[in-house]
PDB file of N, CA and C in Angstrom:
ATOM      1  N   MET A   1      67.687-138.258  51.249  1.00  0.00           N
ATOM      2  CA  MET A   1      66.915-138.423  52.458  1.00  0.00           C
ATOM      3  C   MET A   1      67.862-138.696  53.623  1.00  0.00           C
ATOM      4  N   ALA A   2      67.683-138.018  54.686  1.00  0.00           N
ATOM      5  CA  ALA A   2      68.515-138.213  55.850  1.00  0.00           C
ATOM      6  C   ALA A   2      68.231-139.571  56.460  1.00  0.00           C
ATOM      7  N   GLY A   3      69.294-140.239  56.891  1.00  0.00           N
ATOM      8  CA  GLY A   3      69.134-141.515  57.547  1.00  0.00           C
ATOM      9  C   GLY A   3      68.979-142.696  56.612  1.00  0.00           C
ATOM     10  N   ARG A   4      68.863-142.449  55.320  1.00  0.00           N
ATOM     11  CA  ARG A   4      68.723-143.548  54.368  1.00  0.00           C
ATOM     12  C   ARG A   4      70.110-144.103  54.059  1.00  0.00           C
ATOM     13  N   PRO A   5      70.298-145.422  54.179  1.00  0.00           N
ATOM     14  CA  PRO A   5      71.620-145.990  53.914  1.00  0.00           C
ATOM     15  C   PRO A   5      71.997-145.842  52.449  1.00  0.00           C
ATOM     16  N   GLN A   6      73.260-145.556  52.196  1.00  0.00           N
ATOM     17  CA  GLN A   6      73.779-145.426  50.842  1.00  0.00           C
ATOM     18  C   GLN A   6      73.888-146.820  50.244  1.00  0.00           C
ATOM     19  N   THR A   7      73.284-147.039  49.103  1.00  0.00           N
ATOM     20  CA  THR A   7      73.346-148.344  48.460  1.00  0.00           C
ATOM     21  C   THR A   7      73.895-148.184  47.056  1.00  0.00           C
ATOM     22  N   ALA A   8      74.449-149.261  46.547  1.00  0.00           N
ATOM     23  CA  ALA A   8      74.962-149.258  45.183  1.00  0.00           C
ATOM     24  C   ALA A   8      73.793-149.229  44.213  1.00  0.00           C
ATOM     25  N   PRO A   9      73.993-148.610  43.043  1.00  0.00           N
ATOM     26  CA  PRO A   9      72.914-148.606  42.051  1.00  0.00           C
ATOM     27  C   PRO A   9      72.582-150.028  41.621  1.00  0.00           C
ATOM     28  N   LEU A  10      71.320-150.260  41.320  1.00  0.00           N
ATOM     29  CA  LEU A  10      70.905-151.553  40.791  1.00  0.00           C
ATOM     30  C   LEU A  10      71.284-151.631  39.314  1.00  0.00           C
ATOM     31  N   GLN A  11      71.509-152.822  38.836  1.00  0.00           N
ATOM     32  CA  GLN A  11      71.902-152.993  37.439  1.00  0.00           C
ATOM     33  C   GLN A  11      70.881-152.409  36.474  1.00  0.00           C
ATOM     34  N   ILE A  12      69.615-152.526  36.787  1.00  0.00           N
ATOM     35  CA  ILE A  12      68.585-151.988  35.900  1.00  0.00           C
ATOM     36  C   ILE A  12      68.731-150.474  35.764  1.00  0.00           C
ATOM     37  N   ASP A  13      69.061-149.794  36.877  1.00  0.00           N
ATOM     38  CA  ASP A  13      69.246-148.341  36.835  1.00  0.00           C
ATOM     39  C   ASP A  13      70.478-147.978  36.010  1.00  0.00           C
ATOM     40  N   LEU A  14      71.518-148.777  36.131  1.00  0.00           N
ATOM     41  CA  LEU A  14      72.725-148.556  35.332  1.00  0.00           C
ATOM     42  C   LEU A  14      72.437-148.753  33.850  1.00  0.00           C
ATOM     43  N   GLU A  15      71.697-149.790  33.536  1.00  0.00           N
ATOM     44  CA  GLU A  15      71.366-150.082  32.140  1.00  0.00           C
ATOM     45  C   GLU A  15      70.513-148.982  31.520  1.00  0.00           C
ATOM     46  N   VAL A  16      69.486-148.552  32.226  1.00  0.00           N
ATOM     47  CA  VAL A  16      68.614-147.498  31.705  1.00  0.00           C
ATOM     48  C   VAL A  16      69.421-146.214  31.520  1.00  0.00           C
ATOM     49  N   GLY A  17      70.253-145.893  32.488  1.00  0.00           N
ATOM     50  CA  GLY A  17      71.090-144.704  32.383  1.00  0.00           C
ATOM     51  C   GLY A  17      72.034-144.763  31.197  1.00  0.00           C
ATOM     52  N   GLN A  18      72.621-145.931  30.970  1.00  0.00           N
ATOM     53  CA  GLN A  18      73.526-146.085  29.827  1.00  0.00           C
ATOM     54  C   GLN A  18      72.784-145.933  28.506  1.00  0.00           C
ATOM     55  N   ARG A  19      71.565-146.446  28.446  1.00  0.00           N
ATOM     56  CA  ARG A  19      70.768-146.294  27.224  1.00  0.00           C
ATOM     57  C   ARG A  19      70.438-144.832  26.973  1.00  0.00           C
ATOM     58  N   VAL A  20      70.087-144.103  28.041  1.00  0.00           N
ATOM     59  CA  VAL A  20      69.803-142.672  27.887  1.00  0.00           C
ATOM     60  C   VAL A  20      71.051-141.977  27.342  1.00  0.00           C
ATOM     61  N   ARG A  21      72.210-142.286  27.925  1.00  0.00           N
ATOM     62  CA  ARG A  21      73.453-141.659  27.459  1.00  0.00           C
ATOM     63  C   ARG A  21      73.722-141.988  25.994  1.00  0.00           C
ATOM     64  N   GLN A  22      73.568-143.257  25.610  1.00  0.00           N
ATOM     65  CA  GLN A  22      73.811-143.656  24.225  1.00  0.00           C
ATOM     66  C   GLN A  22      72.892-142.911  23.261  1.00  0.00           C
ATOM     67  N   LEU A  23      71.620-142.851  23.601  1.00  0.00           N
ATOM     68  CA  LEU A  23      70.660-142.172  22.730  1.00  0.00           C
ATOM     69  C   LEU A  23      70.910-140.668  22.688  1.00  0.00           C
ATOM     70  N   ARG A  24      71.281-140.105  23.827  1.00  0.00           N
ATOM     71  CA  ARG A  24      71.591-138.670  23.877  1.00  0.00           C
ATOM     72  C   ARG A  24      72.794-138.364  22.995  1.00  0.00           C
ATOM     73  N   GLU A  25      73.843-139.157  23.137  1.00  0.00           N
ATOM     74  CA  GLU A  25      75.057-138.934  22.342  1.00  0.00           C
ATOM     75  C   GLU A  25      74.795-139.172  20.865  1.00  0.00           C
ATOM     76  N   ARG A  26      74.002-140.209  20.552  1.00  0.00           N
ATOM     77  CA  ARG A  26      73.658-140.488  19.157  1.00  0.00           C
ATOM     78  C   ARG A  26      72.955-139.294  18.519  1.00  0.00           C
ATOM     79  N   GLY A  27      72.142-138.607  19.308  1.00  0.00           N
ATOM     80  CA  GLY A  27      71.426-137.441  18.797  1.00  0.00           C
ATOM     81  C   GLY A  27      72.219-136.150  18.854  1.00  0.00           C
ATOM     82  N   GLY A  28      73.458-136.231  19.353  1.00  0.00           N
ATOM     83  CA  GLY A  28      74.301-135.036  19.429  1.00  0.00           C
ATOM     84  C   GLY A  28      73.796-134.018  20.443  1.00  0.00           C
ATOM     85  N   ILE A  29      73.176-134.504  21.508  1.00  0.00           N
ATOM     86  CA  ILE A  29      72.582-133.637  22.522  1.00  0.00           C
ATOM     87  C   ILE A  29      73.457-133.669  23.765  1.00  0.00           C
ATOM     88  N   SER A  30      73.772-132.504  24.302  1.00  0.00           N
ATOM     89  CA  SER A  30      74.570-132.437  25.523  1.00  0.00           C
ATOM     90  C   SER A  30      73.686-132.715  26.742  1.00  0.00           C
ATOM     91  N   GLN A  31      74.318-133.005  27.859  1.00  0.00           N
ATOM     92  CA  GLN A  31      73.573-133.199  29.098  1.00  0.00           C
ATOM     93  C   GLN A  31      72.837-131.916  29.471  1.00  0.00           C
ATOM     94  N   THR A  32      73.454-130.784  29.227  1.00  0.00           N
ATOM     95  CA  THR A  32      72.825-129.500  29.531  1.00  0.00           C
ATOM     96  C   THR A  32      71.574-129.301  28.684  1.00  0.00           C
ATOM     97  N   MET A  33      71.675-129.606  27.395  1.00  0.00           N
ATOM     98  CA  MET A  33      70.527-129.443  26.501  1.00  0.00           C
ATOM     99  C   MET A  33      69.391-130.392  26.884  1.00  0.00           C
ATOM    100  N   LEU A  34      69.734-131.635  27.221  1.00  0.00           N
ATOM    101  CA  LEU A  34      68.701-132.599  27.610  1.00  0.00           C
ATOM    102  C   LEU A  34      68.050-132.161  28.921  1.00  0.00           C
ATOM    103  N   GLY A  35      68.864-131.737  29.869  1.00  0.00           N
ATOM    104  CA  GLY A  35      68.317-131.264  31.142  1.00  0.00           C
ATOM    105  C   GLY A  35      67.353-130.105  30.941  1.00  0.00           C
ATOM    106  N   ALA A  36      67.742-129.153  30.087  1.00  0.00           N
ATOM    107  CA  ALA A  36      66.882-127.999  29.826  1.00  0.00           C
ATOM    108  C   ALA A  36      65.571-128.428  29.172  1.00  0.00           C
ATOM    109  N   ALA A  37      65.643-129.384  28.251  1.00  0.00           N
ATOM    110  CA  ALA A  37      64.438-129.854  27.564  1.00  0.00           C
ATOM    111  C   ALA A  37      63.489-130.573  28.517  1.00  0.00           C
ATOM    112  N   VAL A  38      64.052-131.225  29.528  1.00  0.00           N
ATOM    113  CA  VAL A  38      63.243-131.994  30.472  1.00  0.00           C
ATOM    114  C   VAL A  38      62.862-131.162  31.697  1.00  0.00           C
ATOM    115  N   GLY A  39      63.585-130.056  31.909  1.00  0.00           N
ATOM    116  CA  GLY A  39      63.290-129.198  33.054  1.00  0.00           C
ATOM    117  C   GLY A  39      64.036-129.593  34.317  1.00  0.00           C
ATOM    118  N   ILE A  40      65.207-130.214  34.135  1.00  0.00           N
ATOM    119  CA  ILE A  40      66.047-130.574  35.276  1.00  0.00           C
ATOM    120  C   ILE A  40      67.488-130.151  34.980  1.00  0.00           C
ATOM    121  N   SER A  41      68.339-130.235  35.974  1.00  0.00           N
ATOM    122  CA  SER A  41      69.727-129.808  35.795  1.00  0.00           C
ATOM    123  C   SER A  41      70.538-130.864  35.042  1.00  0.00           C
ATOM    124  N   PHE A  42      71.654-130.418  34.466  1.00  0.00           N
ATOM    125  CA  PHE A  42      72.519-131.376  33.793  1.00  0.00           C
ATOM    126  C   PHE A  42      73.131-132.336  34.810  1.00  0.00           C
ATOM    127  N   GLN A  43      73.267-131.879  36.063  1.00  0.00           N
ATOM    128  CA  GLN A  43      73.788-132.770  37.108  1.00  0.00           C
ATOM    129  C   GLN A  43      72.835-133.943  37.340  1.00  0.00           C
ATOM    130  N   GLN A  44      71.527-133.658  37.262  1.00  0.00           N
ATOM    131  CA  GLN A  44      70.547-134.735  37.424  1.00  0.00           C
ATOM    132  C   GLN A  44      70.637-135.709  36.256  1.00  0.00           C
ATOM    133  N   ILE A  45      70.849-135.190  35.052  1.00  0.00           N
ATOM    134  CA  ILE A  45      71.038-136.058  33.887  1.00  0.00           C
ATOM    135  C   ILE A  45      72.258-136.947  34.113  1.00  0.00           C
ATOM    136  N   GLN A  46      73.345-136.364  34.637  1.00  0.00           N
ATOM    137  CA  GLN A  46      74.548-137.154  34.945  1.00  0.00           C
ATOM    138  C   GLN A  46      74.223-138.277  35.925  1.00  0.00           C
ATOM    139  N   LYS A  47      73.463-137.957  36.957  1.00  0.00           N
ATOM    140  CA  LYS A  47      73.103-138.968  37.959  1.00  0.00           C
ATOM    141  C   LYS A  47      72.245-140.068  37.343  1.00  0.00           C
ATOM    142  N   TYR A  48      71.321-139.692  36.461  1.00  0.00           N
ATOM    143  CA  TYR A  48      70.516-140.693  35.767  1.00  0.00           C
ATOM    144  C   TYR A  48      71.407-141.595  34.918  1.00  0.00           C
ATOM    145  N   GLU A  49      72.310-140.981  34.158  1.00  0.00           N
ATOM    146  CA  GLU A  49      73.146-141.740  33.243  1.00  0.00           C
ATOM    147  C   GLU A  49      74.107-142.670  33.974  1.00  0.00           C
ATOM    148  N   ARG A  50      74.525-142.293  35.149  1.00  0.00           N
ATOM    149  CA  ARG A  50      75.419-143.142  35.950  1.00  0.00           C
ATOM    150  C   ARG A  50      74.647-144.157  36.785  1.00  0.00           C
ATOM    151  N   GLY A  51      73.323-144.045  36.812  1.00  0.00           N
ATOM    152  CA  GLY A  51      72.515-144.961  37.593  1.00  0.00           C
ATOM    153  C   GLY A  51      72.470-144.623  39.064  1.00  0.00           C
ATOM    154  N   VAL A  52      73.010-143.471  39.436  1.00  0.00           N
ATOM    155  CA  VAL A  52      73.009-143.051  40.841  1.00  0.00           C
ATOM    156  C   VAL A  52      71.587-142.774  41.297  1.00  0.00           C
ATOM    157  N   ASN A  53      70.809-142.120  40.440  1.00  0.00           N
ATOM    158  CA  ASN A  53      69.398-141.858  40.722  1.00  0.00           C
ATOM    159  C   ASN A  53      68.547-142.643  39.730  1.00  0.00           C
ATOM    160  N   ARG A  54      67.452-143.186  40.221  1.00  0.00           N
ATOM    161  CA  ARG A  54      66.519-143.894  39.352  1.00  0.00           C
ATOM    162  C   ARG A  54      65.684-142.896  38.563  1.00  0.00           C
ATOM    163  N   ILE A  55      65.340-143.298  37.352  1.00  0.00           N
ATOM    164  CA  ILE A  55      64.511-142.454  36.495  1.00  0.00           C
ATOM    165  C   ILE A  55      63.055-142.855  36.710  1.00  0.00           C
ATOM    166  N   SER A  56      62.242-141.913  37.140  1.00  0.00           N
ATOM    167  CA  SER A  56      60.819-142.190  37.333  1.00  0.00           C
ATOM    168  C   SER A  56      60.145-142.351  35.971  1.00  0.00           C
ATOM    169  N   ALA A  57      58.953-142.890  35.983  1.00  0.00           N
ATOM    170  CA  ALA A  57      58.202-143.085  34.737  1.00  0.00           C
ATOM    171  C   ALA A  57      57.962-141.751  34.034  1.00  0.00           C
ATOM    172  N   SER A  58      57.583-140.731  34.787  1.00  0.00           N
ATOM    173  CA  SER A  58      57.316-139.431  34.157  1.00  0.00           C
ATOM    174  C   SER A  58      58.589-138.841  33.564  1.00  0.00           C
ATOM    175  N   SER A  59      59.703-138.991  34.262  1.00  0.00           N
ATOM    176  CA  SER A  59      60.977-138.490  33.727  1.00  0.00           C
ATOM    177  C   SER A  59      61.409-139.301  32.509  1.00  0.00           C
ATOM    178  N   LEU A  60      61.168-140.613  32.539  1.00  0.00           N
ATOM    179  CA  LEU A  60      61.512-141.451  31.400  1.00  0.00           C
ATOM    180  C   LEU A  60      60.755-140.992  30.155  1.00  0.00           C
ATOM    181  N   PHE A  61      59.479-140.687  30.307  1.00  0.00           N
ATOM    182  CA  PHE A  61      58.683-140.205  29.178  1.00  0.00           C
ATOM    183  C   PHE A  61      59.180-138.849  28.686  1.00  0.00           C
ATOM    184  N   ALA A  62      59.528-137.965  29.622  1.00  0.00           N
ATOM    185  CA  ALA A  62      60.029-136.638  29.237  1.00  0.00           C
ATOM    186  C   ALA A  62      61.374-136.751  28.522  1.00  0.00           C
ATOM    187  N   ILE A  63      62.240-137.613  29.021  1.00  0.00           N
ATOM    188  CA  ILE A  63      63.547-137.813  28.390  1.00  0.00           C
ATOM    189  C   ILE A  63      63.369-138.409  27.006  1.00  0.00           C
ATOM    190  N   ALA A  64      62.497-139.400  26.890  1.00  0.00           N
ATOM    191  CA  ALA A  64      62.250-140.017  25.591  1.00  0.00           C
ATOM    192  C   ALA A  64      61.746-138.983  24.586  1.00  0.00           C
ATOM    193  N   LYS A  65      60.821-138.144  25.018  1.00  0.00           N
ATOM    194  CA  LYS A  65      60.289-137.108  24.123  1.00  0.00           C
ATOM    195  C   LYS A  65      61.399-136.153  23.693  1.00  0.00           C
ATOM    196  N   ALA A  66      62.247-135.744  24.643  1.00  0.00           N
ATOM    197  CA  ALA A  66      63.335-134.814  24.323  1.00  0.00           C
ATOM    198  C   ALA A  66      64.355-135.446  23.381  1.00  0.00           C
ATOM    199  N   LEU A  67      64.528-136.757  23.475  1.00  0.00           N
ATOM    200  CA  LEU A  67      65.472-137.462  22.600  1.00  0.00           C
ATOM    201  C   LEU A  67      64.823-137.909  21.297  1.00  0.00           C
ATOM    202  N   ASP A  68      63.530-137.640  21.155  1.00  0.00           N
ATOM    203  CA  ASP A  68      62.766-138.010  19.974  1.00  0.00           C
ATOM    204  C   ASP A  68      62.773-139.529  19.754  1.00  0.00           C
ATOM    205  N   VAL A  69      62.582-140.249  20.860  1.00  0.00           N
ATOM    206  CA  VAL A  69      62.453-141.705  20.826  1.00  0.00           C
ATOM    207  C   VAL A  69      61.260-142.073  21.693  1.00  0.00           C
ATOM    208  N   THR A  70      60.881-143.322  21.667  1.00  0.00           N
ATOM    209  CA  THR A  70      59.815-143.790  22.553  1.00  0.00           C
ATOM    210  C   THR A  70      60.452-144.314  23.847  1.00  0.00           C
ATOM    211  N   PRO A  71      59.700-144.333  24.933  1.00  0.00           N
ATOM    212  CA  PRO A  71      60.233-144.940  26.157  1.00  0.00           C
ATOM    213  C   PRO A  71      60.665-146.391  25.925  1.00  0.00           C
ATOM    214  N   THR A  72      59.958-147.075  25.043  1.00  0.00           N
ATOM    215  CA  THR A  72      60.317-148.453  24.717  1.00  0.00           C
ATOM    216  C   THR A  72      61.718-148.533  24.134  1.00  0.00           C
ATOM    217  N   GLU A  73      62.087-147.555  23.314  1.00  0.00           N
ATOM    218  CA  GLU A  73      63.432-147.558  22.727  1.00  0.00           C
ATOM    219  C   GLU A  73      64.504-147.403  23.802  1.00  0.00           C
ATOM    220  N   ILE A  74      64.202-146.693  24.859  1.00  0.00           N
ATOM    221  CA  ILE A  74      65.162-146.555  25.956  1.00  0.00           C
ATOM    222  C   ILE A  74      65.311-147.888  26.679  1.00  0.00           C
ATOM    223  N   LEU A  75      64.201-148.596  26.849  1.00  0.00           N
ATOM    224  CA  LEU A  75      64.223-149.853  27.602  1.00  0.00           C
ATOM    225  C   LEU A  75      64.567-151.064  26.743  1.00  0.00           C
ATOM    226  N   GLU A  76      64.528-150.875  25.434  1.00  0.00           N
ATOM    227  CA  GLU A  76      64.765-151.961  24.491  1.00  0.00           C
ATOM    228  C   GLU A  76      66.142-152.583  24.703  1.00  0.00           C
ATOM    229  N   GLY A  77      66.162-153.905  24.724  1.00  0.00           N
ATOM    230  CA  GLY A  77      67.435-154.613  24.822  1.00  0.00           C
ATOM    231  C   GLY A  77      67.928-154.838  26.237  1.00  0.00           C
ATOM    232  N   ILE A  78      67.242-154.289  27.209  1.00  0.00           N
ATOM    233  CA  ILE A  78      67.649-154.506  28.593  1.00  0.00           C
ATOM    234  C   ILE A  78      67.119-155.870  29.020  1.00  0.00           C
ATOM    235  N   PRO A  79      68.001-156.752  29.474  1.00  0.00           N
ATOM    236  CA  PRO A  79      67.549-158.093  29.857  1.00  0.00           C
ATOM    237  C   PRO A  79      66.473-158.049  30.939  1.00  0.00           C
ATOM    238  N   SER A  80      65.454-158.860  30.768  1.00  0.00           N
ATOM    239  CA  SER A  80      64.324-158.838  31.692  1.00  0.00           C
ATOM    240  C   SER A  80      64.708-159.264  33.102  1.00  0.00           C
ATOM    241  N   HIS A  81      65.757-160.075  33.238  1.00  0.00           N
ATOM    242  CA  HIS A  81      66.139-160.510  34.585  1.00  0.00           C
ATOM    243  C   HIS A  81      66.658-159.352  35.432  1.00  0.00           C
ATOM    244  N   LEU A  82      67.024-158.239  34.798  1.00  0.00           N
ATOM    245  CA  LEU A  82      67.508-157.087  35.555  1.00  0.00           C
ATOM    246  C   LEU A  82      66.384-156.324  36.238  1.00  0.00           C
ATOM    247  N   SER A  83      65.144-156.610  35.865  1.00  0.00           N
ATOM    248  CA  SER A  83      64.030-155.895  36.470  1.00  0.00           C
ATOM    249  C   SER A  83      63.693-156.435  37.854  1.00  0.00           C
ATOM    250  N   THR A  84      64.313-157.534  38.245  1.00  0.00           N
ATOM    251  CA  THR A  84      64.110-158.032  39.601  1.00  0.00           C
ATOM    252  C   THR A  84      65.055-157.301  40.537  1.00  0.00           C
ATOM    253  N   PHE A  85      64.660-157.122  41.751  1.00  0.00           N
ATOM    254  CA  PHE A  85      65.455-156.386  42.711  1.00  0.00           C
ATOM    255  C   PHE A  85      66.100-157.363  43.678  1.00  0.00           C
ATOM    256  N   PRO A  86      67.413-157.580  43.533  1.00  0.00           N
ATOM    257  CA  PRO A  86      68.076-158.517  44.425  1.00  0.00           C
ATOM    258  C   PRO A  86      68.116-157.988  45.848  1.00  0.00           C
ATOM    259  N   SER A  87      68.164-158.915  46.800  1.00  0.00           N
ATOM    260  CA  SER A  87      68.199-158.498  48.201  1.00  0.00           C
ATOM    261  C   SER A  87      69.538-157.894  48.556  1.00  0.00           C
ATOM    262  N   ARG A  88      70.593-158.305  47.880  1.00  0.00           N
ATOM    263  CA  ARG A  88      71.906-157.698  48.083  1.00  0.00           C
ATOM    264  C   ARG A  88      72.743-157.896  46.834  1.00  0.00           C
ATOM    265  N   HIS A  89      73.770-157.087  46.717  1.00  0.00           N
ATOM    266  CA  HIS A  89      74.649-157.155  45.549  1.00  0.00           C
ATOM    267  C   HIS A  89      75.826-158.059  45.864  1.00  0.00           C
ATOM    268  N   SER A  90      76.253-158.802  44.872  1.00  0.00           N
ATOM    269  CA  SER A  90      77.403-159.662  45.050  1.00  0.00           C
ATOM    270  C   SER A  90      78.568-159.126  44.228  1.00  0.00           C
ATOM    271  N   ALA A  91      79.736-159.688  44.454  1.00  0.00           N
ATOM    272  CA  ALA A  91      80.909-159.302  43.678  1.00  0.00           C
ATOM    273  C   ALA A  91      80.689-159.623  42.203  1.00  0.00           C
ATOM    274  N   ARG A  92      79.861-160.635  41.928  1.00  0.00           N
ATOM    275  CA  ARG A  92      79.581-161.005  40.541  1.00  0.00           C
ATOM    276  C   ARG A  92      78.847-159.923  39.783  1.00  0.00           C
ATOM    277  N   ASP A  93      78.063-159.102  40.489  1.00  0.00           N
ATOM    278  CA  ASP A  93      77.320-158.038  39.813  1.00  0.00           C
ATOM    279  C   ASP A  93      78.254-157.141  39.018  1.00  0.00           C
ATOM    280  N   GLY A  94      79.388-156.803  39.610  1.00  0.00           N
ATOM    281  CA  GLY A  94      80.359-155.947  38.927  1.00  0.00           C
ATOM    282  C   GLY A  94      80.930-156.619  37.694  1.00  0.00           C
ATOM    283  N   GLN A  95      81.172-157.915  37.779  1.00  0.00           N
ATOM    284  CA  GLN A  95      81.692-158.651  36.635  1.00  0.00           C
ATOM    285  C   GLN A  95      80.660-158.719  35.529  1.00  0.00           C
ATOM    286  N   GLU A  96      79.412-158.923  35.885  1.00  0.00           N
ATOM    287  CA  GLU A  96      78.346-158.974  34.888  1.00  0.00           C
ATOM    288  C   GLU A  96      78.231-157.639  34.168  1.00  0.00           C
ATOM    289  N   MET A  97      78.308-156.566  34.940  1.00  0.00           N
ATOM    290  CA  MET A  97      78.207-155.247  34.343  1.00  0.00           C
ATOM    291  C   MET A  97      79.392-154.975  33.415  1.00  0.00           C
ATOM    292  N   GLU A  98      80.582-155.376  33.837  1.00  0.00           N
ATOM    293  CA  GLU A  98      81.767-155.196  33.001  1.00  0.00           C
ATOM    294  C   GLU A  98      81.630-155.965  31.693  1.00  0.00           C
ATOM    295  N   LEU A  99      81.123-157.189  31.785  1.00  0.00           N
ATOM    296  CA  LEU A  99      80.909-157.991  30.586  1.00  0.00           C
ATOM    297  C   LEU A  99      79.915-157.311  29.650  1.00  0.00           C
ATOM    298  N   MET A 100      78.832-156.790  30.202  1.00  0.00           N
ATOM    299  CA  MET A 100      77.821-156.125  29.378  1.00  0.00           C
ATOM    300  C   MET A 100      78.377-154.853  28.732  1.00  0.00           C
ATOM    301  N   GLU A 101      79.154-154.095  29.499  1.00  0.00           N
ATOM    302  CA  GLU A 101      79.750-152.870  28.945  1.00  0.00           C
ATOM    303  C   GLU A 101      80.689-153.209  27.789  1.00  0.00           C
ATOM    304  N   ASN A 102      81.513-154.236  27.981  1.00  0.00           N
ATOM    305  CA  ASN A 102      82.431-154.640  26.918  1.00  0.00           C
ATOM    306  C   ASN A 102      81.679-155.205  25.722  1.00  0.00           C
ATOM    307  N   PHE A 103      80.595-155.934  25.968  1.00  0.00           N
ATOM    308  CA  PHE A 103      79.787-156.465  24.871  1.00  0.00           C
ATOM    309  C   PHE A 103      79.282-155.323  23.988  1.00  0.00           C
ATOM    310  N   ARG A 104      78.812-154.259  24.619  1.00  0.00           N
ATOM    311  CA  ARG A 104      78.282-153.122  23.855  1.00  0.00           C
ATOM    312  C   ARG A 104      79.349-152.432  23.017  1.00  0.00           C
ATOM    313  N   ARG A 105      80.588-152.557  23.424  1.00  0.00           N
ATOM    314  CA  ARG A 105      81.679-151.909  22.688  1.00  0.00           C
ATOM    315  C   ARG A 105      82.100-152.708  21.455  1.00  0.00           C
ATOM    316  N   ILE A 106      81.680-153.951  21.376  1.00  0.00           N
ATOM    317  CA  ILE A 106      82.023-154.782  20.216  1.00  0.00           C
ATOM    318  C   ILE A 106      81.234-154.257  19.024  1.00  0.00           C
ATOM    319  N   GLN A 107      81.946-153.865  17.999  1.00  0.00           N
ATOM    320  CA  GLN A 107      81.316-153.219  16.843  1.00  0.00           C
ATOM    321  C   GLN A 107      80.707-154.211  15.849  1.00  0.00           C
ATOM    322  N   LYS A 108      81.337-155.352  15.670  1.00  0.00           N
ATOM    323  CA  LYS A 108      80.881-156.303  14.658  1.00  0.00           C
ATOM    324  C   LYS A 108      79.810-157.233  15.225  1.00  0.00           C
ATOM    325  N   PRO A 109      78.630-157.274  14.610  1.00  0.00           N
ATOM    326  CA  PRO A 109      77.565-158.169  15.074  1.00  0.00           C
ATOM    327  C   PRO A 109      78.010-159.633  15.139  1.00  0.00           C
ATOM    328  N   GLU A 110      78.858-160.038  14.206  1.00  0.00           N
ATOM    329  CA  GLU A 110      79.348-161.426  14.203  1.00  0.00           C
ATOM    330  C   GLU A 110      80.145-161.704  15.474  1.00  0.00           C
ATOM    331  N   ASN A 111      80.958-160.751  15.901  1.00  0.00           N
ATOM    332  CA  ASN A 111      81.733-160.937  17.123  1.00  0.00           C
ATOM    333  C   ASN A 111      80.833-160.963  18.356  1.00  0.00           C
ATOM    334  N   GLN A 112      79.773-160.168  18.333  1.00  0.00           N
ATOM    335  CA  GLN A 112      78.812-160.211  19.435  1.00  0.00           C
ATOM    336  C   GLN A 112      78.158-161.590  19.498  1.00  0.00           C
ATOM    337  N   ARG A 113      77.781-162.116  18.342  1.00  0.00           N
ATOM    338  CA  ARG A 113      77.155-163.435  18.275  1.00  0.00           C
ATOM    339  C   ARG A 113      78.097-164.509  18.808  1.00  0.00           C
ATOM    340  N   LEU A 114      79.385-164.411  18.437  1.00  0.00           N
ATOM    341  CA  LEU A 114      80.372-165.384  18.910  1.00  0.00           C
ATOM    342  C   LEU A 114      80.524-165.327  20.430  1.00  0.00           C
ATOM    343  N   LEU A 115      80.498-164.131  20.973  1.00  0.00           N
ATOM    344  CA  LEU A 115      80.612-163.997  22.425  1.00  0.00           C
ATOM    345  C   LEU A 115      79.394-164.591  23.135  1.00  0.00           C
ATOM    346  N   VAL A 116      78.224-164.376  22.578  1.00  0.00           N
ATOM    347  CA  VAL A 116      77.005-164.964  23.144  1.00  0.00           C
ATOM    348  C   VAL A 116      77.108-166.488  23.112  1.00  0.00           C
ATOM    349  N   GLN A 117      77.593-167.035  22.005  1.00  0.00           N
ATOM    350  CA  GLN A 117      77.757-168.485  21.890  1.00  0.00           C
ATOM    351  C   GLN A 117      78.773-168.997  22.905  1.00  0.00           C
ATOM    352  N   LEU A 118      79.881-168.273  23.079  1.00  0.00           N
ATOM    353  CA  LEU A 118      80.896-168.669  24.046  1.00  0.00           C
ATOM    354  C   LEU A 118      80.299-168.678  25.464  1.00  0.00           C
ATOM    355  N   ALA A 119      79.579-167.624  25.811  1.00  0.00           N
ATOM    356  CA  ALA A 119      78.973-167.545  27.135  1.00  0.00           C
ATOM    357  C   ALA A 119      77.985-168.696  27.348  1.00  0.00           C
ATOM    358  N   ALA A 120      77.189-168.999  26.340  1.00  0.00           N
ATOM    359  CA  ALA A 120      76.225-170.103  26.450  1.00  0.00           C
ATOM    360  C   ALA A 120      76.956-171.430  26.621  1.00  0.00           C
ATOM    361  N   SER A 121      78.048-171.604  25.897  1.00  0.00           N
ATOM    362  CA  SER A 121      78.812-172.833  26.005  1.00  0.00           C
ATOM    363  C   SER A 121      79.440-172.978  27.398  1.00  0.00           C
ATOM    364  N   LEU A 122      80.003-171.903  27.894  1.00  0.00           N
ATOM    365  CA  LEU A 122      80.599-171.933  29.235  1.00  0.00           C
ATOM    366  C   LEU A 122      79.555-172.165  30.310  1.00  0.00           C
ATOM    367  N   ALA A 123      78.382-171.595  30.123  1.00  0.00           N
ATOM    368  CA  ALA A 123      77.312-171.748  31.113  1.00  0.00           C
ATOM    369  C   ALA A 123      76.783-173.173  31.161  1.00  0.00           C
ATOM    370  N   SER A 124      76.882-173.894  30.065  1.00  0.00           N
ATOM    371  CA  SER A 124      76.354-175.262  30.034  1.00  0.00           C
ATOM    372  C   SER A 124      77.344-176.274  30.607  1.00  0.00           C
ATOM    373  N   ASP A 125      78.581-175.857  30.868  1.00  0.00           N
ATOM    374  CA  ASP A 125      79.586-176.768  31.469  1.00  0.00           C
ATOM    375  C   ASP A 125      79.291-177.080  32.906  1.00  0.00           C
TER     376      ASP A 125
END
């Protein structure tokens, strides 16, 4: 839209996009194949996955169907506090996102649990 200020993606959009990417990759589906199944370009899939563009409810349902999952599975595990829309982004937002990305890369559930415990302990100080 002309005249609309460029804003950073919201964390919720980044999270949903990352879940779509994870599920797409898990199913061995390319961005091109997913785009074709949903009726949009692979570039739009890229924008969704990067959180640049928000996924509408109808697109979320179409993507879920193409990935053979439920919309709930796409949204599953996304912290509920991310559904609020902050008035502005802080430098901490980037750190939170980095922490979440690294958390997802931890393969061992025990290590994930330890990190959650560490974060809870640090937060209570």
